[in-house]
Amino acid sequence: MSFYSDMAATAVELLKEFGQAITLGSVTTGAYSAETGSVTNTVTNHAGFGAVFDYAQRDIDGTVIKKGDRRLYIAPNIGAIPKTGDTVTLSDGAKLTVVLSSPLAPAGTVLLHDVQLRGL
């Protein structure tokens, strides 16, 4: 294993031990149907672990980060890359939507996903 692979494995272990179970609902947009005039989206659920935090007051600007937004670090083995519009269900049943997501991936190895969440 490389250094970053070891770091990713450590992140998984720590988030599993100290975080909580989460479910990422990955939304895939389907094809447009001229007959119905609509698009059918498919949601694929991915179970994993993450740690959720409130943003510090100094980080809340009211535009990019709004009051009530939460920050979630997701283990890299979730099985999907979180993207804007996906949903996250926390272990307490709270369901939030992904606003922004960026992987922490030095040298191309994802160590964790840094995700901004907002209430539905």
N, C-alpha and C. Protein backbone atom coordinates (compact mmCIF):
# COMPACT_ATOMS: atom_id res chain seq x y z
N MET A 1 0.83 -1.19 0.00
CA MET A 1 0.00 0.00 0.00
C MET A 1 0.87 1.25 0.00
N SER A 2 0.37 2.27 -0.63
CA SER A 2 1.09 3.54 -0.63
C SER A 2 0.71 4.36 0.61
N PHE A 3 1.42 5.43 0.81
CA PHE A 3 1.15 6.31 1.95
C PHE A 3 -0.30 6.79 1.94
N TYR A 4 -0.79 7.25 0.78
CA TYR A 4 -2.15 7.79 0.71
C TYR A 4 -3.21 6.70 0.83
N SER A 5 -2.92 5.51 0.36
CA SER A 5 -3.85 4.39 0.56
C SER A 5 -3.98 4.07 2.05
N ASP A 6 -2.84 4.11 2.74
CA ASP A 6 -2.87 3.90 4.20
C ASP A 6 -3.68 5.00 4.88
N MET A 7 -3.51 6.24 4.44
CA MET A 7 -4.25 7.36 5.02
C MET A 7 -5.76 7.20 4.78
N ALA A 8 -6.14 6.76 3.58
CA ALA A 8 -7.56 6.54 3.27
C ALA A 8 -8.13 5.44 4.16
N ALA A 9 -7.37 4.37 4.38
CA ALA A 9 -7.83 3.29 5.25
C ALA A 9 -7.98 3.78 6.69
N THR A 10 -7.08 4.63 7.13
CA THR A 10 -7.17 5.21 8.47
C THR A 10 -8.40 6.10 8.58
N ALA A 11 -8.68 6.89 7.55
CA ALA A 11 -9.88 7.75 7.55
C ALA A 11 -11.14 6.91 7.68
N VAL A 12 -11.20 5.80 6.97
CA VAL A 12 -12.36 4.91 7.05
C VAL A 12 -12.52 4.39 8.47
N GLU A 13 -11.43 3.93 9.06
CA GLU A 13 -11.48 3.40 10.42
C GLU A 13 -11.94 4.45 11.43
N LEU A 14 -11.38 5.66 11.33
CA LEU A 14 -11.72 6.72 12.28
C LEU A 14 -13.17 7.17 12.13
N LEU A 15 -13.63 7.32 10.89
CA LEU A 15 -15.02 7.75 10.67
C LEU A 15 -16.00 6.66 11.10
N LYS A 16 -15.61 5.42 10.94
CA LYS A 16 -16.47 4.32 11.38
C LYS A 16 -16.55 4.28 12.91
N GLU A 17 -15.42 4.52 13.57
CA GLU A 17 -15.38 4.46 15.04
C GLU A 17 -16.00 5.69 15.69
N PHE A 18 -15.69 6.88 15.17
CA PHE A 18 -16.09 8.11 15.84
C PHE A 18 -17.21 8.88 15.13
N GLY A 19 -17.55 8.46 13.93
CA GLY A 19 -18.60 9.14 13.17
C GLY A 19 -19.94 8.44 13.36
N GLN A 20 -20.75 8.50 12.32
CA GLN A 20 -22.07 7.88 12.36
C GLN A 20 -22.38 7.26 11.01
N ALA A 21 -23.33 6.34 11.02
CA ALA A 21 -23.78 5.73 9.78
C ALA A 21 -24.56 6.77 8.98
N ILE A 22 -24.32 6.81 7.69
CA ILE A 22 -25.05 7.72 6.80
C ILE A 22 -25.47 6.96 5.55
N THR A 23 -26.42 7.53 4.84
CA THR A 23 -26.81 7.00 3.55
C THR A 23 -26.77 8.13 2.53
N LEU A 24 -25.98 7.94 1.50
CA LEU A 24 -25.89 8.90 0.40
C LEU A 24 -26.87 8.45 -0.69
N GLY A 25 -27.83 9.31 -1.01
CA GLY A 25 -28.76 9.04 -2.09
C GLY A 25 -28.26 9.72 -3.35
N SER A 26 -27.61 8.95 -4.20
CA SER A 26 -27.01 9.48 -5.43
C SER A 26 -28.06 9.55 -6.53
N VAL A 27 -28.32 10.77 -7.00
CA VAL A 27 -29.37 11.00 -7.99
C VAL A 27 -28.79 10.94 -9.40
N THR A 28 -29.41 10.12 -10.25
CA THR A 28 -29.03 10.03 -11.66
C THR A 28 -30.21 10.52 -12.50
N THR A 29 -29.95 11.52 -13.31
CA THR A 29 -31.01 12.07 -14.16
C THR A 29 -31.23 11.18 -15.37
N GLY A 30 -32.47 10.81 -15.60
CA GLY A 30 -32.81 9.95 -16.72
C GLY A 30 -33.03 10.76 -17.99
N ALA A 31 -33.42 10.08 -19.03
CA ALA A 31 -33.67 10.71 -20.32
C ALA A 31 -35.02 11.41 -20.32
N TYR A 32 -35.12 12.45 -21.11
CA TYR A 32 -36.38 13.18 -21.27
C TYR A 32 -37.35 12.35 -22.09
N SER A 33 -38.60 12.26 -21.62
CA SER A 33 -39.64 11.55 -22.34
C SER A 33 -40.58 12.56 -22.97
N ALA A 34 -40.62 12.59 -24.29
CA ALA A 34 -41.51 13.51 -24.99
C ALA A 34 -42.98 13.15 -24.74
N GLU A 35 -43.25 11.88 -24.51
CA GLU A 35 -44.62 11.43 -24.27
C GLU A 35 -45.19 11.99 -22.97
N THR A 36 -44.38 11.96 -21.92
CA THR A 36 -44.86 12.43 -20.62
C THR A 36 -44.45 13.87 -20.34
N GLY A 37 -43.45 14.37 -21.11
CA GLY A 37 -42.96 15.72 -20.90
C GLY A 37 -42.16 15.87 -19.62
N SER A 38 -41.56 14.78 -19.19
CA SER A 38 -40.80 14.84 -17.93
C SER A 38 -39.54 13.97 -18.00
N VAL A 39 -38.75 14.13 -16.96
CA VAL A 39 -37.53 13.34 -16.80
C VAL A 39 -37.70 12.51 -15.54
N THR A 40 -37.33 11.25 -15.61
CA THR A 40 -37.42 10.38 -14.44
C THR A 40 -36.03 10.22 -13.84
N ASN A 41 -35.90 10.63 -12.59
CA ASN A 41 -34.63 10.48 -11.88
C ASN A 41 -34.60 9.16 -11.12
N THR A 42 -33.41 8.59 -11.01
CA THR A 42 -33.21 7.37 -10.25
C THR A 42 -32.29 7.69 -9.08
N VAL A 43 -32.64 7.17 -7.91
CA VAL A 43 -31.81 7.38 -6.72
C VAL A 43 -31.22 6.04 -6.31
N THR A 44 -29.89 6.02 -6.18
CA THR A 44 -29.18 4.84 -5.71
C THR A 44 -28.61 5.16 -4.34
N ASN A 45 -28.94 4.33 -3.36
CA ASN A 45 -28.47 4.56 -2.00
C ASN A 45 -27.14 3.86 -1.75
N HIS A 46 -26.24 4.58 -1.08
CA HIS A 46 -24.93 4.06 -0.71
C HIS A 46 -24.76 4.24 0.79
N ALA A 47 -24.54 3.14 1.50
CA ALA A 47 -24.33 3.21 2.95
C ALA A 47 -22.86 3.44 3.26
N GLY A 48 -22.60 4.24 4.27
CA GLY A 48 -21.22 4.51 4.65
C GLY A 48 -21.17 5.19 6.00
N PHE A 49 -20.04 5.83 6.26
CA PHE A 49 -19.83 6.50 7.53
C PHE A 49 -19.33 7.91 7.30
N GLY A 50 -19.70 8.79 8.23
CA GLY A 50 -19.26 10.17 8.13
C GLY A 50 -19.33 10.86 9.48
N ALA A 51 -18.74 12.04 9.53
CA ALA A 51 -18.78 12.87 10.73
C ALA A 51 -19.35 14.23 10.32
N VAL A 52 -20.39 14.66 11.02
CA VAL A 52 -21.08 15.90 10.68
C VAL A 52 -20.77 16.96 11.73
N PHE A 53 -20.59 18.20 11.24
CA PHE A 53 -20.25 19.32 12.10
C PHE A 53 -21.06 20.54 11.70
N ASP A 54 -21.30 21.43 12.66
CA ASP A 54 -21.87 22.73 12.35
C ASP A 54 -20.75 23.63 11.86
N TYR A 55 -21.07 24.56 10.98
CA TYR A 55 -20.08 25.54 10.55
C TYR A 55 -19.87 26.56 11.66
N ALA A 56 -18.67 27.06 11.78
CA ALA A 56 -18.37 28.12 12.74
C ALA A 56 -19.11 29.39 12.30
N GLN A 57 -19.53 30.19 13.25
CA GLN A 57 -20.26 31.43 12.95
C GLN A 57 -19.49 32.29 11.96
N ARG A 58 -18.17 32.33 12.09
CA ARG A 58 -17.34 33.18 11.20
C ARG A 58 -17.36 32.69 9.75
N ASP A 59 -17.74 31.42 9.51
CA ASP A 59 -17.77 30.88 8.16
C ASP A 59 -19.11 31.13 7.45
N ILE A 60 -20.12 31.49 8.21
CA ILE A 60 -21.46 31.69 7.65
C ILE A 60 -21.55 33.08 7.05
N ASP A 61 -21.64 33.14 5.71
CA ASP A 61 -21.70 34.44 5.03
C ASP A 61 -23.10 34.76 4.53
N GLY A 62 -24.04 33.82 4.66
CA GLY A 62 -25.41 34.05 4.22
C GLY A 62 -25.63 33.83 2.74
N THR A 63 -24.58 33.60 1.99
CA THR A 63 -24.69 33.37 0.55
C THR A 63 -24.23 31.96 0.19
N VAL A 64 -22.94 31.70 0.35
CA VAL A 64 -22.40 30.38 0.04
C VAL A 64 -22.71 29.42 1.18
N ILE A 65 -22.45 29.84 2.39
CA ILE A 65 -22.76 29.04 3.57
C ILE A 65 -23.82 29.79 4.36
N LYS A 66 -24.97 29.15 4.51
CA LYS A 66 -26.10 29.77 5.20
C LYS A 66 -26.25 29.19 6.60
N LYS A 67 -26.94 29.94 7.46
CA LYS A 67 -27.22 29.48 8.81
C LYS A 67 -27.98 28.15 8.71
N GLY A 68 -27.54 27.17 9.46
CA GLY A 68 -28.18 25.86 9.44
C GLY A 68 -27.47 24.85 8.55
N ASP A 69 -26.57 25.32 7.67
CA ASP A 69 -25.79 24.39 6.84
C ASP A 69 -24.90 23.56 7.75
N ARG A 70 -24.60 22.36 7.32
CA ARG A 70 -23.74 21.47 8.08
C ARG A 70 -22.61 20.98 7.17
N ARG A 71 -21.49 20.63 7.77
CA ARG A 71 -20.34 20.10 7.05
C ARG A 71 -20.23 18.62 7.39
N LEU A 72 -20.06 17.80 6.36
CA LEU A 72 -19.97 16.36 6.55
C LEU A 72 -18.70 15.84 5.89
N TYR A 73 -17.92 15.09 6.65
CA TYR A 73 -16.78 14.39 6.10
C TYR A 73 -17.22 12.94 5.90
N ILE A 74 -17.15 12.47 4.65
CA ILE A 74 -17.60 11.12 4.32
C ILE A 74 -16.38 10.25 4.01
N ALA A 75 -16.40 9.02 4.52
CA ALA A 75 -15.33 8.06 4.25
C ALA A 75 -15.22 7.82 2.74
N PRO A 76 -14.01 7.58 2.25
CA PRO A 76 -13.81 7.45 0.81
C PRO A 76 -14.40 6.19 0.19
N ASN A 77 -14.79 5.22 1.00
CA ASN A 77 -15.30 3.95 0.46
C ASN A 77 -16.83 3.93 0.34
N ILE A 78 -17.46 5.09 0.22
CA ILE A 78 -18.92 5.19 0.15
C ILE A 78 -19.49 4.56 -1.12
N GLY A 79 -18.71 4.47 -2.17
CA GLY A 79 -19.19 3.83 -3.39
C GLY A 79 -19.70 4.80 -4.44
N ALA A 80 -19.66 6.08 -4.15
CA ALA A 80 -20.09 7.11 -5.11
C ALA A 80 -19.41 8.41 -4.73
N ILE A 81 -19.34 9.32 -5.68
CA ILE A 81 -18.81 10.65 -5.42
C ILE A 81 -20.01 11.56 -5.16
N PRO A 82 -20.13 12.13 -3.95
CA PRO A 82 -21.27 13.02 -3.68
C PRO A 82 -21.26 14.21 -4.64
N LYS A 83 -22.45 14.58 -5.11
CA LYS A 83 -22.56 15.72 -6.02
C LYS A 83 -23.77 16.57 -5.64
N THR A 84 -23.76 17.80 -6.10
CA THR A 84 -24.85 18.73 -5.83
C THR A 84 -26.19 18.09 -6.22
N GLY A 85 -27.14 18.16 -5.30
CA GLY A 85 -28.47 17.61 -5.55
C GLY A 85 -28.69 16.24 -4.94
N ASP A 86 -27.61 15.54 -4.59
CA ASP A 86 -27.75 14.27 -3.89
C ASP A 86 -28.31 14.52 -2.50
N THR A 87 -28.76 13.46 -1.84
CA THR A 87 -29.27 13.59 -0.48
C THR A 87 -28.41 12.77 0.47
N VAL A 88 -28.40 13.17 1.71
CA VAL A 88 -27.71 12.44 2.77
C VAL A 88 -28.69 12.26 3.91
N THR A 89 -28.83 11.02 4.36
CA THR A 89 -29.65 10.73 5.53
C THR A 89 -28.71 10.36 6.66
N LEU A 90 -28.81 11.10 7.76
CA LEU A 90 -27.97 10.86 8.93
C LEU A 90 -28.59 9.77 9.81
N SER A 91 -27.83 9.27 10.76
CA SER A 91 -28.32 8.18 11.61
C SER A 91 -29.52 8.58 12.46
N ASP A 92 -29.70 9.89 12.71
CA ASP A 92 -30.87 10.34 13.50
C ASP A 92 -32.10 10.54 12.62
N GLY A 93 -31.98 10.22 11.32
CA GLY A 93 -33.11 10.33 10.40
C GLY A 93 -33.17 11.65 9.65
N ALA A 94 -32.33 12.62 10.02
CA ALA A 94 -32.32 13.91 9.32
C ALA A 94 -31.90 13.70 7.88
N LYS A 95 -32.66 14.31 6.96
CA LYS A 95 -32.37 14.20 5.54
C LYS A 95 -31.98 15.58 5.02
N LEU A 96 -30.80 15.66 4.41
CA LEU A 96 -30.24 16.92 3.93
C LEU A 96 -29.83 16.76 2.48
N THR A 97 -29.67 17.89 1.81
CA THR A 97 -29.25 17.85 0.42
C THR A 97 -27.82 18.36 0.28
N VAL A 98 -27.11 17.81 -0.68
CA VAL A 98 -25.73 18.21 -0.94
C VAL A 98 -25.73 19.52 -1.72
N VAL A 99 -25.06 20.53 -1.16
CA VAL A 99 -24.91 21.83 -1.82
C VAL A 99 -23.61 21.86 -2.61
N LEU A 100 -22.53 21.51 -1.94
CA LEU A 100 -21.20 21.45 -2.56
C LEU A 100 -20.48 20.21 -2.06
N SER A 101 -19.61 19.67 -2.87
CA SER A 101 -18.82 18.53 -2.47
C SER A 101 -17.46 18.60 -3.13
N SER A 102 -16.44 18.32 -2.34
CA SER A 102 -15.10 18.26 -2.92
C SER A 102 -14.31 17.17 -2.21
N PRO A 103 -13.65 16.34 -3.00
CA PRO A 103 -12.85 15.30 -2.38
C PRO A 103 -11.51 15.85 -1.92
N LEU A 104 -11.02 15.34 -0.81
CA LEU A 104 -9.65 15.60 -0.40
C LEU A 104 -8.86 14.45 -1.01
N ALA A 105 -8.10 14.76 -2.07
CA ALA A 105 -7.47 13.70 -2.86
C ALA A 105 -6.05 14.05 -3.27
N PRO A 106 -5.11 14.08 -2.32
CA PRO A 106 -3.73 14.34 -2.71
C PRO A 106 -3.21 13.17 -3.55
N ALA A 107 -2.47 13.47 -4.58
CA ALA A 107 -1.89 12.46 -5.47
C ALA A 107 -2.96 11.56 -6.09
N GLY A 108 -4.22 12.04 -6.16
CA GLY A 108 -5.28 11.30 -6.83
C GLY A 108 -5.96 10.23 -5.98
N THR A 109 -5.57 10.06 -4.74
CA THR A 109 -6.21 9.09 -3.85
C THR A 109 -7.16 9.82 -2.92
N VAL A 110 -8.45 9.48 -3.00
CA VAL A 110 -9.45 10.15 -2.17
C VAL A 110 -9.30 9.69 -0.72
N LEU A 111 -9.05 10.68 0.17
CA LEU A 111 -8.93 10.39 1.60
C LEU A 111 -10.27 10.56 2.30
N LEU A 112 -11.06 11.54 1.86
CA LEU A 112 -12.42 11.74 2.35
C LEU A 112 -13.11 12.75 1.45
N HIS A 113 -14.43 12.79 1.58
CA HIS A 113 -15.24 13.75 0.83
C HIS A 113 -15.68 14.83 1.81
N ASP A 114 -15.43 16.09 1.47
CA ASP A 114 -15.83 17.25 2.27
C ASP A 114 -17.12 17.78 1.64
N VAL A 115 -18.24 17.66 2.35
CA VAL A 115 -19.56 17.94 1.78
C VAL A 115 -20.29 19.00 2.59
N GLN A 116 -20.84 19.99 1.89
CA GLN A 116 -21.71 20.99 2.52
C GLN A 116 -23.14 20.54 2.35
N LEU A 117 -23.88 20.49 3.46
CA LEU A 117 -25.27 20.03 3.45
C LEU A 117 -26.21 21.16 3.86
N ARG A 118 -27.43 21.06 3.35
CA ARG A 118 -28.47 22.04 3.69
C ARG A 118 -29.78 21.27 3.88
N GLY A 119 -30.60 21.74 4.81
CA GLY A 119 -31.90 21.10 5.05
C GLY A 119 -32.77 21.16 3.81
N LEU A 120 -33.62 20.17 3.67
CA LEU A 120 -34.52 20.11 2.49
C LEU A 120 -35.65 21.10 2.61
